[in-house]
Amino acid sequence: MSEEIVTRRVTRAGAGITQLPQVILATEAPVKKPETPTKSKATPEPTYKVILHNDSSNPMEHVVQSLQQVIPKMTQEKAVTIMLEAHTKGKAVAKRCHKELAEMYEEGLRSRGLIATIEPD
């Protein structure tokens, strides 16, 4: 319950106008506007895969170092796993992310002499 203090003018016979405080207790809850559901216009970006392909021209150490340099937070263990999968199976998913980042990682890997592509996940 909320309180509201207002000033009320009181007039008495033979006396001047006096202002006295008066407390009014609200008995009804404040009026709330009905909530209108908002439609989210933003849709999540589709995920893309950065795919590392096997090649016979780059040493394994170079592939591991390139993965670590191009893709942030790529551990050496993860880079070795990706490199070995690409080496044995022909290709490996190096990263899943939105398209803009996938394009950037693809370009970074290619600039280091690796074969990389992107495709929708």
C-alpha atoms as a PDB file:
ATOM      1  CA  MET A   1       0.000   0.000   0.000  1.00  0.00           C
ATOM      2  CA  SER A   2       1.461   3.356  -0.894  1.00  0.00           C
ATOM      3  CA  GLU A   3       1.010   6.628   0.868  1.00  0.00           C
ATOM      4  CA  GLU A   4       0.581  10.042  -0.600  1.00  0.00           C
ATOM      5  CA  ILE A   5       0.907  13.166   1.465  1.00  0.00           C
ATOM      6  CA  VAL A   6      -1.055  16.152   0.265  1.00  0.00           C
ATOM      7  CA  THR A   7      -1.626  19.554   1.749  1.00  0.00           C
ATOM      8  CA  ARG A   8      -5.196  20.548   2.466  1.00  0.00           C
ATOM      9  CA  ARG A   9      -6.353  24.086   3.071  1.00  0.00           C
ATOM     10  CA  VAL A  10      -8.439  24.543   6.152  1.00  0.00           C
ATOM     11  CA  THR A  11     -10.527  27.651   6.749  1.00  0.00           C
ATOM     12  CA  ARG A  12     -11.843  28.407  10.189  1.00  0.00           C
ATOM     13  CA  ALA A  13     -14.248  31.136  11.141  1.00  0.00           C
ATOM     14  CA  GLY A  14     -12.342  34.166  12.260  1.00  0.00           C
ATOM     15  CA  ALA A  15      -8.985  32.573  11.449  1.00  0.00           C
ATOM     16  CA  GLY A  16      -6.733  32.748   8.461  1.00  0.00           C
ATOM     17  CA  ILE A  17      -6.179  29.949   5.996  1.00  0.00           C
ATOM     18  CA  THR A  18      -3.988  27.212   7.450  1.00  0.00           C
ATOM     19  CA  GLN A  19      -2.364  24.407   5.554  1.00  0.00           C
ATOM     20  CA  LEU A  20      -2.363  20.996   7.233  1.00  0.00           C
ATOM     21  CA  PRO A  21      -0.773  17.820   5.885  1.00  0.00           C
ATOM     22  CA  GLN A  22      -3.177  15.001   5.149  1.00  0.00           C
ATOM     23  CA  VAL A  23      -2.161  11.392   4.468  1.00  0.00           C
ATOM     24  CA  ILE A  24      -4.102   9.550   1.801  1.00  0.00           C
ATOM     25  CA  LEU A  25      -3.661   5.778   1.687  1.00  0.00           C
ATOM     26  CA  ALA A  26      -3.965   4.199  -1.698  1.00  0.00           C
ATOM     27  CA  THR A  27      -6.212   1.159  -1.551  1.00  0.00           C
ATOM     28  CA  GLU A  28      -5.865   0.106  -5.156  1.00  0.00           C
ATOM     29  CA  ALA A  29      -2.751  -1.251  -6.807  1.00  0.00           C
ATOM     30  CA  PRO A  30      -1.142   1.050  -9.332  1.00  0.00           C
ATOM     31  CA  VAL A  31      -2.504   0.609 -12.809  1.00  0.00           C
ATOM     32  CA  LYS A  32      -0.079  -1.309 -15.010  1.00  0.00           C
ATOM     33  CA  LYS A  33      -0.086  -1.187 -18.745  1.00  0.00           C
ATOM     34  CA  PRO A  34      -0.826  -4.569 -20.232  1.00  0.00           C
ATOM     35  CA  GLU A  35       2.301  -6.221 -21.511  1.00  0.00           C
ATOM     36  CA  THR A  36       2.355  -6.625 -25.223  1.00  0.00           C
ATOM     37  CA  PRO A  37       4.501  -9.439 -26.496  1.00  0.00           C
ATOM     38  CA  THR A  38       7.433  -8.155 -28.473  1.00  0.00           C
ATOM     39  CA  LYS A  39       8.501 -10.064 -31.500  1.00  0.00           C
ATOM     40  CA  SER A  40      12.211 -10.632 -31.736  1.00  0.00           C
ATOM     41  CA  LYS A  41      13.340  -9.540 -35.160  1.00  0.00           C
ATOM     42  CA  ALA A  42      16.888 -10.755 -34.609  1.00  0.00           C
ATOM     43  CA  THR A  43      17.448 -14.318 -35.666  1.00  0.00           C
ATOM     44  CA  PRO A  44      20.581 -16.198 -34.755  1.00  0.00           C
ATOM     45  CA  GLU A  45      23.197 -16.258 -37.457  1.00  0.00           C
ATOM     46  CA  PRO A  46      23.649 -19.608 -39.176  1.00  0.00           C
ATOM     47  CA  THR A  47      26.742 -21.552 -38.201  1.00  0.00           C
ATOM     48  CA  TYR A  48      29.502 -22.332 -40.676  1.00  0.00           C
ATOM     49  CA  LYS A  49      32.268 -24.918 -40.530  1.00  0.00           C
ATOM     50  CA  VAL A  50      35.876 -24.052 -41.262  1.00  0.00           C
ATOM     51  CA  ILE A  51      37.273 -27.184 -42.892  1.00  0.00           C
ATOM     52  CA  LEU A  52      40.962 -27.989 -43.058  1.00  0.00           C
ATOM     53  CA  HIS A  53      41.890 -30.250 -45.985  1.00  0.00           C
ATOM     54  CA  ASN A  54      44.861 -32.572 -46.129  1.00  0.00           C
ATOM     55  CA  ASP A  55      47.780 -31.601 -48.303  1.00  0.00           C
ATOM     56  CA  SER A  56      51.144 -33.210 -48.849  1.00  0.00           C
ATOM     57  CA  SER A  57      53.186 -30.028 -49.064  1.00  0.00           C
ATOM     58  CA  ASN A  58      52.981 -28.624 -45.512  1.00  0.00           C
ATOM     59  CA  PRO A  59      54.820 -30.169 -42.562  1.00  0.00           C
ATOM     60  CA  MET A  60      52.593 -31.238 -39.678  1.00  0.00           C
ATOM     61  CA  GLU A  61      54.274 -28.763 -37.315  1.00  0.00           C
ATOM     62  CA  HIS A  62      53.440 -25.882 -39.672  1.00  0.00           C
ATOM     63  CA  VAL A  63      49.776 -26.958 -39.806  1.00  0.00           C
ATOM     64  CA  VAL A  64      49.550 -27.095 -35.995  1.00  0.00           C
ATOM     65  CA  GLN A  65      51.235 -23.696 -35.584  1.00  0.00           C
ATOM     66  CA  SER A  66      49.017 -22.140 -38.269  1.00  0.00           C
ATOM     67  CA  LEU A  67      45.831 -23.394 -36.591  1.00  0.00           C
ATOM     68  CA  GLN A  68      46.984 -21.937 -33.274  1.00  0.00           C
ATOM     69  CA  GLN A  69      47.934 -18.598 -34.808  1.00  0.00           C
ATOM     70  CA  VAL A  70      44.784 -18.141 -36.880  1.00  0.00           C
ATOM     71  CA  ILE A  71      42.068 -19.468 -34.560  1.00  0.00           C
ATOM     72  CA  PRO A  72      41.952 -17.808 -31.114  1.00  0.00           C
ATOM     73  CA  LYS A  73      42.148 -20.043 -28.040  1.00  0.00           C
ATOM     74  CA  MET A  74      43.160 -23.042 -30.148  1.00  0.00           C
ATOM     75  CA  THR A  75      45.212 -25.293 -27.886  1.00  0.00           C
ATOM     76  CA  GLN A  76      48.124 -27.297 -29.191  1.00  0.00           C
ATOM     77  CA  GLU A  77      46.308 -30.516 -28.310  1.00  0.00           C
ATOM     78  CA  LYS A  78      43.215 -29.504 -30.288  1.00  0.00           C
ATOM     79  CA  ALA A  79      45.335 -28.321 -33.236  1.00  0.00           C
ATOM     80  CA  VAL A  80      47.195 -31.669 -33.316  1.00  0.00           C
ATOM     81  CA  THR A  81      43.874 -33.565 -33.234  1.00  0.00           C
ATOM     82  CA  ILE A  82      42.507 -31.499 -36.159  1.00  0.00           C
ATOM     83  CA  MET A  83      45.730 -31.890 -38.124  1.00  0.00           C
ATOM     84  CA  LEU A  84      45.785 -35.683 -37.622  1.00  0.00           C
ATOM     85  CA  GLU A  85      42.118 -36.013 -38.630  1.00  0.00           C
ATOM     86  CA  ALA A  86      42.736 -34.022 -41.808  1.00  0.00           C
ATOM     87  CA  HIS A  87      45.837 -36.114 -42.490  1.00  0.00           C
ATOM     88  CA  THR A  88      44.088 -39.483 -42.028  1.00  0.00           C
ATOM     89  CA  LYS A  89      40.552 -38.719 -43.252  1.00  0.00           C
ATOM     90  CA  GLY A  90      41.270 -36.060 -45.859  1.00  0.00           C
ATOM     91  CA  LYS A  91      39.579 -33.193 -44.013  1.00  0.00           C
ATOM     92  CA  ALA A  92      38.635 -32.010 -40.523  1.00  0.00           C
ATOM     93  CA  VAL A  93      36.395 -29.335 -39.023  1.00  0.00           C
ATOM     94  CA  ALA A  94      38.717 -26.786 -37.458  1.00  0.00           C
ATOM     95  CA  LYS A  95      36.044 -24.400 -36.139  1.00  0.00           C
ATOM     96  CA  ARG A  96      32.286 -23.738 -36.097  1.00  0.00           C
ATOM     97  CA  CYS A  97      31.266 -20.077 -36.028  1.00  0.00           C
ATOM     98  CA  HIS A  98      29.244 -17.432 -37.867  1.00  0.00           C
ATOM     99  CA  LYS A  99      30.020 -16.766 -41.520  1.00  0.00           C
ATOM    100  CA  GLU A 100      32.123 -13.629 -41.132  1.00  0.00           C
ATOM    101  CA  LEU A 101      34.513 -15.283 -38.685  1.00  0.00           C
ATOM    102  CA  ALA A 102      34.608 -18.470 -40.757  1.00  0.00           C
ATOM    103  CA  GLU A 103      35.665 -16.442 -43.799  1.00  0.00           C
ATOM    104  CA  MET A 104      38.358 -14.720 -41.766  1.00  0.00           C
ATOM    105  CA  TYR A 105      39.748 -18.043 -40.440  1.00  0.00           C
ATOM    106  CA  GLU A 106      39.642 -19.570 -43.926  1.00  0.00           C
ATOM    107  CA  GLU A 107      41.596 -16.631 -45.322  1.00  0.00           C
ATOM    108  CA  GLY A 108      44.124 -16.810 -42.470  1.00  0.00           C
ATOM    109  CA  LEU A 109      44.746 -20.519 -43.011  1.00  0.00           C
ATOM    110  CA  ARG A 110      45.046 -20.063 -46.790  1.00  0.00           C
ATOM    111  CA  SER A 111      47.520 -17.208 -46.330  1.00  0.00           C
ATOM    112  CA  ARG A 112      49.750 -19.690 -44.486  1.00  0.00           C
ATOM    113  CA  GLY A 113      49.655 -22.114 -47.395  1.00  0.00           C
ATOM    114  CA  LEU A 114      46.962 -24.472 -46.057  1.00  0.00           C
ATOM    115  CA  ILE A 115      43.906 -25.700 -47.930  1.00  0.00           C
ATOM    116  CA  ALA A 116      40.781 -24.516 -46.106  1.00  0.00           C
ATOM    117  CA  THR A 117      37.153 -24.075 -47.067  1.00  0.00           C
ATOM    118  CA  ILE A 118      33.938 -23.064 -45.327  1.00  0.00           C
ATOM    119  CA  GLU A 119      30.450 -24.525 -45.615  1.00  0.00           C
ATOM    120  CA  PRO A 120      27.153 -24.156 -43.749  1.00  0.00           C
ATOM    121  CA  ASP A 121      26.881 -26.374 -40.705  1.00  0.00           C
END
